Amino acid sequence: KVRKTHAMIEFLLMLTIYTVSYAVRHLSGPFGIFDRARRWLLAGKLTGVFTFELLSCPWCVGFHCGYVTYLCFGNNIDIASVVQWGLIGSVVVAAADQLFELISTAIIFLNKP
């Protein structure tokens, strides 16, 4: 029973990682806070290119969302686990993005007359 609970928590952490990455990249957020932050960072001379490249790379956003989510919700925090959850976040976000792209393409293809 403990293993099932542990697996469920890890699954929920992975869903949280993807949700946070999606919100940061695509949603305006409550009161437009994500949108304003993106615009401000993209407009900066020093941060503009870095922010654009970061938000364009699902592996990068996933890594950062992964370790931040782990730091917020993890119990035993050590450097190996932080890096591990960063890498898990990269894979989760990149795989989910590819899956949703494939589904979108299939829906468009199936709706053609």
Protein backbone atom coordinates (compact mmCIF):
# COMPACT_ATOMS: atom_id res chain seq x y z
CA LYS A 1 0.00 0.00 0.00
CA VAL A 2 2.89 2.35 0.71
CA ARG A 3 4.32 1.76 -2.80
CA LYS A 4 0.99 2.65 -4.41
CA THR A 5 0.80 5.85 -2.39
CA HIS A 6 4.40 6.73 -3.29
CA ALA A 7 3.74 6.05 -6.98
CA MET A 8 0.61 8.20 -6.87
CA ILE A 9 2.52 11.09 -5.30
CA GLU A 10 5.20 10.84 -8.00
CA PHE A 11 2.52 10.77 -10.70
CA LEU A 12 0.88 13.87 -9.20
CA LEU A 13 4.26 15.60 -9.09
CA MET A 14 4.71 14.86 -12.80
CA LEU A 15 1.27 16.30 -13.57
CA THR A 16 2.16 19.35 -11.50
CA ILE A 17 5.40 19.79 -13.45
CA TYR A 18 3.55 19.77 -16.77
CA THR A 19 0.81 22.06 -15.48
CA VAL A 20 3.32 24.62 -14.22
CA SER A 21 5.32 24.49 -17.45
CA TYR A 22 2.17 24.92 -19.53
CA ALA A 23 1.01 27.83 -17.40
CA VAL A 24 4.38 29.59 -17.57
CA ARG A 25 4.68 29.14 -21.34
CA HIS A 26 1.11 29.59 -22.58
CA LEU A 27 -1.32 31.08 -20.06
CA SER A 28 -1.69 34.68 -18.96
CA GLY A 29 -2.13 33.59 -15.33
CA PRO A 30 -4.15 35.20 -12.59
CA PHE A 31 -4.43 38.93 -13.20
CA GLY A 32 -2.17 38.50 -16.26
CA ILE A 33 0.92 37.97 -14.09
CA PHE A 34 2.57 35.32 -16.32
CA ASP A 35 1.88 37.36 -19.44
CA ARG A 36 3.32 40.54 -17.90
CA ALA A 37 6.39 38.67 -16.62
CA ARG A 38 7.00 37.10 -20.04
CA ARG A 39 6.67 40.46 -21.81
CA TRP A 40 8.96 42.19 -19.31
CA LEU A 41 11.61 39.46 -19.56
CA LEU A 42 11.39 39.27 -23.36
CA ALA A 43 11.75 43.06 -23.66
CA GLY A 44 14.94 43.20 -21.56
CA LYS A 45 18.28 43.65 -23.31
CA LEU A 46 20.02 41.08 -21.12
CA THR A 47 17.12 38.69 -20.60
CA GLY A 48 15.23 38.83 -23.91
CA VAL A 49 17.09 36.21 -25.95
CA PHE A 50 17.62 33.92 -22.97
CA THR A 51 13.93 34.07 -22.02
CA PHE A 52 12.81 33.44 -25.59
CA GLU A 53 15.09 30.44 -25.92
CA LEU A 54 14.08 29.12 -22.50
CA LEU A 55 10.35 29.38 -23.20
CA SER A 56 10.81 27.84 -26.65
CA CYS A 57 12.57 24.75 -25.28
CA PRO A 58 10.29 22.22 -23.54
CA TRP A 59 13.36 20.36 -22.21
CA CYS A 60 14.64 23.53 -20.52
CA VAL A 61 11.32 24.64 -19.06
CA GLY A 62 10.65 21.08 -17.95
CA PHE A 63 13.98 20.87 -16.14
CA HIS A 64 13.39 24.09 -14.22
CA CYS A 65 9.76 23.24 -13.43
CA GLY A 66 10.85 19.76 -12.33
CA TYR A 67 13.37 20.80 -9.74
CA VAL A 68 11.27 23.74 -8.51
CA THR A 69 8.26 21.45 -8.06
CA TYR A 70 10.43 18.95 -6.20
CA LEU A 71 11.84 21.68 -3.95
CA CYS A 72 8.30 22.80 -3.13
CA PHE A 73 6.83 19.36 -2.45
CA GLY A 74 9.70 16.92 -1.87
CA ASN A 75 10.39 15.40 1.54
CA ASN A 76 14.06 14.37 1.42
CA ILE A 77 15.80 17.20 -0.40
CA ASP A 78 19.31 16.45 -1.65
CA ILE A 79 21.20 17.49 -4.77
CA ALA A 80 20.80 14.11 -6.49
CA SER A 81 17.02 14.21 -6.11
CA VAL A 82 16.86 17.82 -7.29
CA VAL A 83 18.78 16.93 -10.47
CA GLN A 84 16.75 13.74 -10.90
CA TRP A 85 13.45 15.62 -10.73
CA GLY A 86 14.82 18.25 -13.09
CA LEU A 87 15.57 15.53 -15.63
CA ILE A 88 12.20 13.88 -15.01
CA GLY A 89 10.57 17.26 -15.63
CA SER A 90 12.43 17.59 -18.94
CA VAL A 91 11.21 14.22 -20.14
CA VAL A 92 7.64 14.76 -18.91
CA VAL A 93 7.23 18.15 -20.58
CA ALA A 94 8.93 17.18 -23.85
CA ALA A 95 6.99 13.91 -24.12
CA ALA A 96 3.66 15.55 -23.30
CA ASP A 97 4.30 18.34 -25.82
CA GLN A 98 5.07 15.76 -28.51
CA LEU A 99 1.97 13.75 -27.60
CA PHE A 100 -0.30 16.78 -27.77
CA GLU A 101 1.28 17.84 -31.08
CA LEU A 102 0.64 14.36 -32.48
CA ILE A 103 -2.97 14.41 -31.28
CA SER A 104 -3.53 17.89 -32.76
CA THR A 105 -2.09 16.80 -36.09
CA ALA A 106 -4.25 13.67 -36.12
CA ILE A 107 -7.40 15.68 -35.35
CA ILE A 108 -6.61 18.15 -38.14
CA PHE A 109 -5.88 15.29 -40.55
CA LEU A 110 -9.10 13.43 -39.64
CA ASN A 111 -11.24 16.54 -40.03
CA LYS A 112 -10.13 17.17 -43.63
CA PRO A 113 -12.81 16.35 -46.19
